[in-house]
Amino acid sequence: MAKSGTAAIPASPSPASPEGEAAPRRRTKAPETRAPALMDAAERLFIEKGIAATSIDDVAAGAQVAKGTFYLYFPSKEALLGALQQRFVDNFCARLQEAVDRHRPDNHRARLKAWTETGLQTYLDNVALHDVVFHEYRPEDRRMRNDNAVITQLVALLRRGADAKVWAVADATMTAVILFNALHGVADDAVAMGQTGEADRKRRARALVDFFERALRPFEDDSAA
């Protein structure tokens, strides 16, 4: 309430548009949601427009945050792309592990089959995003054996099966590289041929599982000879 003898100061009106309507305010996001929101917006825009055609301003606007907020989480668009790549791999591995864990730890063949089928399905489900976030191929970054988390996961599966004498694997890492590239090649061929429907996926998954099982020869106990 205003004091006697003084005029009350009217509240400042909200900024108005030329039509007299209040201008929309940018919604405030909780700090823990800003980085994921920026990444979600970037994924959508990169797929729609391409990385080169998408600016940091576009990403910030798509996430409904100020441009300055972008730089609190990512120093550059390249850093954002790296974060998207890591999130893609983390989600990919999590989906594979979830499928594998539906089977008993000692059922190594079922776990490998689940890994193979889910790997193909997940790749095909996310091929547009995969092609965008892994668009830059740099030969100097060929660190497949050491830095590929999907291969590392497969190596662990192969070694556990070998330790349990389900199959014999002389070099688990090299075998995992070969099997991973087989899966990647089958998925890429499905996309190139336009064969990504459910029936085609099942047919290709069966072929992959059969190849994997043939590639892993049964363990033979030489001491029994």
Foldseek 3Di string as FASTA:
>chain_A
DDDPPDDDDDDDDADADPVGHHDDDQDDDDPVCQLVLLLVLQLVCCLVPNLVPADLCSSCVSSSHDSVSVCVPAVGSVRSLVVLVVVLLVVLVVQLVVQLVVDDPPPLLSSVLSSLLSNLVSCLVCVSSVCRSPVDDDVVPPPCLPPRVSLVVQLVSVVSCVVVQAFPDPDSSVLSVVLVVVSVVLSVVCVVVVNSDPVSSVVSSVVSSVVNVVVTHGGDDPVVD
